[in-house]
Protein backbone atom coordinates (compact mmCIF):
# COMPACT_ATOMS: atom_id res chain seq x y z
CA MET A 1 144.76 111.07 152.08
CA THR A 2 141.61 109.10 151.20
CA LEU A 3 137.61 108.73 152.62
CA VAL A 4 135.86 105.78 152.37
CA LEU A 5 132.74 104.91 153.81
CA THR A 6 130.24 101.98 154.16
CA GLU A 7 126.69 101.62 155.65
CA LEU A 8 124.03 98.45 156.63
CA SER A 9 120.91 99.83 156.68
CA PRO A 10 117.48 98.89 156.25
CA PHE A 11 117.76 99.11 152.32
CA GLY A 12 120.28 97.36 151.96
CA ILE A 13 124.87 98.09 151.81
CA ALA A 14 125.95 101.40 150.79
CA MET A 15 129.04 101.38 149.95
CA ALA A 16 131.79 105.11 148.78
CA ALA A 17 135.00 106.11 148.14
CA ASP A 18 137.29 109.35 146.37
CA SER A 19 139.35 108.17 144.25
CA ALA A 20 142.42 110.91 144.64
CA VAL A 21 145.92 109.93 145.93
CA THR A 22 148.24 112.46 147.06
CA PHE A 23 151.56 112.31 146.61
CA THR A 24 154.85 113.96 148.97
CA TYR A 25 158.12 114.67 147.70
CA GLN A 26 161.73 115.26 149.69
CA SER A 27 164.01 117.47 148.11
CA GLY A 28 166.68 118.06 150.62
CA ASN A 29 165.43 119.67 154.04
CA CYS A 30 162.28 120.75 151.92
CA SER A 31 158.95 118.44 151.01
CA TYR A 32 155.60 119.36 149.73
CA SER A 33 152.67 117.64 148.31
CA PHE A 34 150.66 117.96 146.02
CA ALA A 35 147.20 115.50 145.37
CA LYS A 36 145.77 113.97 141.60
CA PRO A 37 142.64 113.10 141.55
CA ASN A 38 141.25 109.49 140.07
CA ALA A 39 144.20 108.04 140.46
CA ALA A 40 143.24 104.94 142.54
CA GLU A 41 140.34 102.53 142.55
CA LYS A 42 139.90 102.25 145.81
CA LEU A 43 136.53 100.64 145.73
CA GLN A 44 135.48 97.73 144.28
CA ALA A 45 133.34 95.17 143.17
CA VAL A 46 133.61 91.43 144.24
CA PRO A 47 131.14 89.38 142.40
CA TYR A 48 131.61 86.50 142.80
CA LEU A 49 129.76 87.40 146.25
CA ASN A 50 128.39 89.76 145.52
CA ALA A 51 129.91 91.94 147.90
CA GLY A 52 132.05 95.52 147.47
CA ILE A 53 135.21 96.35 148.81
CA SER A 54 137.31 99.17 149.43
CA CYS A 55 141.16 100.13 151.12
CA TRP A 56 142.29 103.17 152.93
CA GLY A 57 145.76 103.07 154.53
CA LEU A 58 149.36 102.58 152.82
CA GLY A 59 149.17 103.56 148.56
CA GLU A 60 151.43 100.43 148.64
CA ILE A 61 151.44 97.00 149.09
CA ASN A 62 154.89 95.24 147.91
CA GLY A 63 156.11 97.80 145.42
CA LYS A 64 151.74 97.58 144.14
CA ALA A 65 149.51 100.37 143.93
CA THR A 66 147.11 99.21 146.31
CA ASP A 67 144.32 99.41 144.00
CA GLU A 68 146.03 97.11 141.35
CA TRP A 69 147.17 94.59 144.29
CA LEU A 70 143.82 94.33 145.41
CA ALA A 71 141.85 93.30 141.80
CA ASP A 72 144.77 90.46 141.40
CA PHE A 73 143.66 89.33 144.59
CA ILE A 74 139.86 89.60 143.51
CA GLN A 75 140.99 87.29 140.73
CA THR A 76 143.19 85.31 142.31
CA ASN A 77 140.22 84.29 144.67
CA SER A 78 137.82 83.75 141.99
CA ASN A 79 136.99 79.77 144.04
CA MET A 80 136.57 81.57 147.30
CA GLN A 81 132.46 80.32 148.46
CA ASP A 82 131.42 82.93 151.92
CA LEU A 83 132.77 86.51 153.12
CA ALA A 84 134.23 85.08 155.89
CA SER A 85 136.57 82.84 153.73
CA PHE A 86 137.62 85.89 151.22
CA ALA A 87 137.88 88.08 155.09
CA ARG A 88 140.76 85.41 156.45
CA LYS A 89 141.99 84.72 153.15
CA LEU A 90 143.28 88.61 152.71
CA SER A 91 144.62 88.98 156.47
CA ALA A 92 146.30 85.94 155.65
CA VAL A 93 148.33 87.40 152.99
CA LEU A 94 147.96 91.06 154.47
CA GLN A 95 150.49 89.54 157.27
CA ALA A 96 152.47 87.69 155.16
CA GLN A 97 153.26 90.95 152.28
CA VAL A 98 153.11 93.85 154.71
CA GLY A 99 154.07 92.53 157.85
CA PRO A 100 153.05 92.84 161.83
CA SER A 101 152.35 96.77 163.07
CA VAL A 102 155.62 98.64 164.74
CA GLY A 103 153.93 100.28 167.77
CA ASN A 104 150.40 98.03 167.23
CA GLN A 105 149.40 101.34 164.81
CA SER A 106 146.55 101.12 162.14
CA ARG A 107 148.66 101.24 158.85
CA LEU A 108 146.33 99.47 156.37
CA GLY A 109 142.53 98.33 155.63
CA PHE A 110 140.07 97.40 153.90
CA HIS A 111 135.95 97.72 154.20
CA LEU A 112 134.16 94.03 152.65
CA ALA A 113 130.45 94.09 152.80
CA GLY A 114 127.85 91.94 151.19
CA PHE A 115 124.70 89.20 153.15
CA GLU A 116 125.24 86.27 154.12
CA MET A 117 122.06 83.90 155.28
CA TYR A 118 121.13 83.67 159.13
CA ASN A 119 118.76 82.02 160.01
CA GLY A 120 117.38 81.12 157.05
CA LYS A 121 117.71 84.76 155.44
CA PRO A 122 119.95 86.95 153.56
CA ILE A 123 120.76 89.87 156.06
CA PRO A 124 124.28 92.52 155.71
CA SER A 125 127.34 91.52 157.01
CA PHE A 126 130.19 93.58 157.35
CA TYR A 127 134.06 92.49 157.78
CA HIS A 128 137.06 95.21 158.24
CA ILE A 129 140.68 93.58 157.92
CA HIS A 130 142.63 95.80 158.73
CA ASP A 131 146.01 96.10 161.47
CA GLY A 132 145.92 98.04 165.10
CA PRO A 133 143.52 97.43 167.54
CA SER A 134 139.68 97.30 166.54
CA THR A 135 137.53 99.80 168.71
CA THR A 136 133.66 98.68 167.36
CA LEU A 137 135.38 94.59 168.48
CA GLN A 138 136.25 96.42 171.39
CA ALA A 139 132.56 97.40 172.21
CA ARG A 140 131.32 93.83 172.13
CA GLY A 141 133.80 92.54 174.93
CA ILE A 142 136.25 90.55 172.08
CA THR A 143 140.21 91.49 171.78
CA VAL A 144 142.23 91.14 169.21
CA ASP A 145 146.11 91.27 168.26
CA PRO A 146 146.71 94.61 167.18
CA SER A 147 150.35 93.85 165.19
CA ARG A 148 148.46 91.92 163.25
CA PHE A 149 145.41 91.88 159.99
CA ASN A 150 142.67 90.22 162.13
CA ALA A 151 139.23 89.81 159.99
CA ASN A 152 137.39 92.00 161.91
CA HIS A 153 133.79 90.71 161.43
CA ASP A 154 132.67 94.31 162.71
CA ILE A 155 129.46 93.84 162.34
CA PRO A 156 127.78 90.12 161.91
CA PRO A 157 124.37 89.84 160.76
CA ALA A 158 122.69 88.89 163.66
CA GLU A 159 124.50 92.23 165.42
CA PHE A 160 122.47 93.78 162.35
CA LEU A 161 119.09 92.53 163.18
CA LYS A 162 120.03 94.28 166.56
CA LEU A 163 120.28 97.81 165.02
CA ALA A 164 117.28 97.36 162.61
CA LEU A 165 114.78 96.65 165.35
CA SER A 166 115.83 99.96 166.97
CA GLY A 167 115.24 100.81 164.17
CA GLY A 168 119.32 102.24 163.01
CA GLY A 169 121.39 100.57 161.06
CA TRP A 170 125.77 101.76 161.00
CA ILE A 171 128.49 103.35 159.25
CA THR A 172 132.48 102.58 159.19
CA ARG A 173 134.39 105.36 157.93
CA ASN A 174 138.06 105.39 157.63
CA GLY A 175 140.38 107.49 155.73
CA ASN A 176 140.79 111.50 157.29
CA TYR A 177 137.84 110.97 158.54
CA GLN A 178 138.08 113.33 162.02
CA PHE A 179 136.87 116.55 159.68
CA TYR A 180 134.27 114.71 158.38
CA GLY A 181 133.18 113.56 161.26
CA GLN A 182 133.20 116.22 162.83
CA LEU A 183 131.67 118.12 159.72
CA PHE A 184 128.61 115.48 159.78
CA ALA A 185 128.25 115.36 163.64
CA LEU A 186 127.13 119.71 162.95
CA LEU A 187 125.43 119.05 159.92
CA GLU A 188 123.16 116.37 160.92
CA LYS A 189 122.40 118.19 164.83
CA PHE A 190 121.15 120.85 161.84
CA PHE A 191 119.31 118.56 160.07
CA GLU A 192 117.63 117.77 163.03
CA ALA A 193 116.51 120.81 164.01
CA ALA A 194 115.03 121.53 160.08
CA ARG A 195 113.11 118.25 161.06
CA ASP A 196 111.84 119.64 164.39
CA HIS A 197 110.84 123.03 163.86
CA LEU A 198 110.03 123.22 159.59
CA GLY A 199 109.23 119.95 158.67
CA MET A 200 111.76 119.45 156.47
CA VAL A 201 113.79 115.60 156.30
CA ILE A 202 117.22 115.81 155.34
CA PRO A 203 117.92 112.92 154.07
CA HIS A 204 114.63 111.56 152.55
CA SER A 205 115.77 108.46 151.84
CA GLN A 206 113.30 105.67 149.94
CA SER A 207 115.59 103.26 148.89
CA LEU A 208 118.50 101.97 148.59
CA LYS A 209 120.05 104.14 146.13
CA ASP A 210 118.62 107.25 148.15
CA ARG A 211 120.95 106.15 150.72
CA ALA A 212 124.50 105.43 147.86
CA GLU A 213 123.68 109.42 146.83
CA TYR A 214 123.45 110.51 150.46
CA LEU A 215 127.41 108.82 150.68
CA VAL A 216 128.10 110.47 147.63
CA PHE A 217 127.22 113.68 149.13
CA GLN A 218 128.88 113.58 152.23
CA ILE A 219 132.45 112.76 150.31
CA ARG A 220 131.59 115.50 148.27
CA THR A 221 131.65 118.23 150.22
CA VAL A 222 134.31 117.28 152.07
CA ALA A 223 136.72 117.72 149.25
CA ASP A 224 134.71 120.85 147.71
CA LEU A 225 135.81 122.12 151.25
CA TYR A 226 138.97 120.84 150.85
CA ARG A 227 139.86 122.14 148.05
CA MET A 228 138.38 125.42 148.65
CA SER A 229 141.45 125.40 152.07
CA ASN A 230 144.65 125.75 152.69
CA CYS A 231 145.45 122.41 153.15
CA VAL A 232 146.22 120.05 149.98
CA PRO A 233 143.27 118.58 147.98
CA GLY A 234 143.51 115.03 149.23
CA ILE A 235 140.26 113.43 149.19
CA GLY A 236 138.29 114.31 145.76
CA GLY A 237 138.38 113.38 142.41
CA ALA A 238 135.12 111.13 140.95
CA ILE A 239 133.68 108.87 143.79
CA GLN A 240 132.93 105.77 143.17
CA TYR A 241 129.49 103.89 144.95
CA LEU A 242 128.28 100.65 144.76
CA THR A 243 125.19 99.16 146.74
CA ILE A 244 124.02 95.67 147.31
CA SER A 245 120.53 94.39 147.73
CA PRO A 246 119.12 91.22 148.68
CA GLU A 247 118.93 89.95 145.33
CA GLY A 248 122.93 90.29 144.53
CA ILE A 249 125.19 93.95 143.10
CA HIS A 250 122.30 96.38 142.87
CA SER A 251 124.70 99.34 140.95
CA VAL A 252 127.97 100.20 141.24
CA GLY A 253 128.54 103.81 138.82
CA THR A 254 130.69 106.38 139.41
CA SER A 255 129.82 110.28 140.30
CA TYR A 256 132.29 113.70 138.77
CA HIS A 257 129.71 116.48 140.16
């Protein structure tokens, strides 16, 4: 299992990912699963684009661990000049190496985030390269072929500015996000009540660093609850984070607690 988060906000871009990998073994009619923490680098920097990229879904591509495959792709394509070219190349290589999706199901995806120039200013931009349908693009009346890997430009700069003008931002979460989504929908309602009745603001973000810490907190909370449950703790291990400002990559780090 996996949990990767990418947030675009007026502070900039914050990304976070867990590092656990779940292994399943079959013996006769029985199977069992276990999670290995710190087994994958699911979030990586793309330094020559001042961008970050994370992966979710299939654990292997062409017999190589997905995070290792991704590191090779980043290194091999250092001649890329912009996010759009990188996203299109990634989608084309995935289509060639992984192939079409049977049943149009989402199997594998990558969050790619950075800044793009728009009306002479650097503005946050987010590409989601994956197979399967794109609910984000569908909401804007854009259709894609779900059998293919598409370089979906979920949040181009113009869309981000619309969100920012209304006081909002954007977060994309992938992997085993159902439990996460339900949990934080309830927690954020509680945070709203705490603000309205107690004057306590959570999170009280004042910087891009604060936003990264909040994403790490979200993943750590989900990981701890899995660890204390009767389920395989497939989300966990060290949590990697990365932040990007208009000036470039702002911070890259790992949280171990």
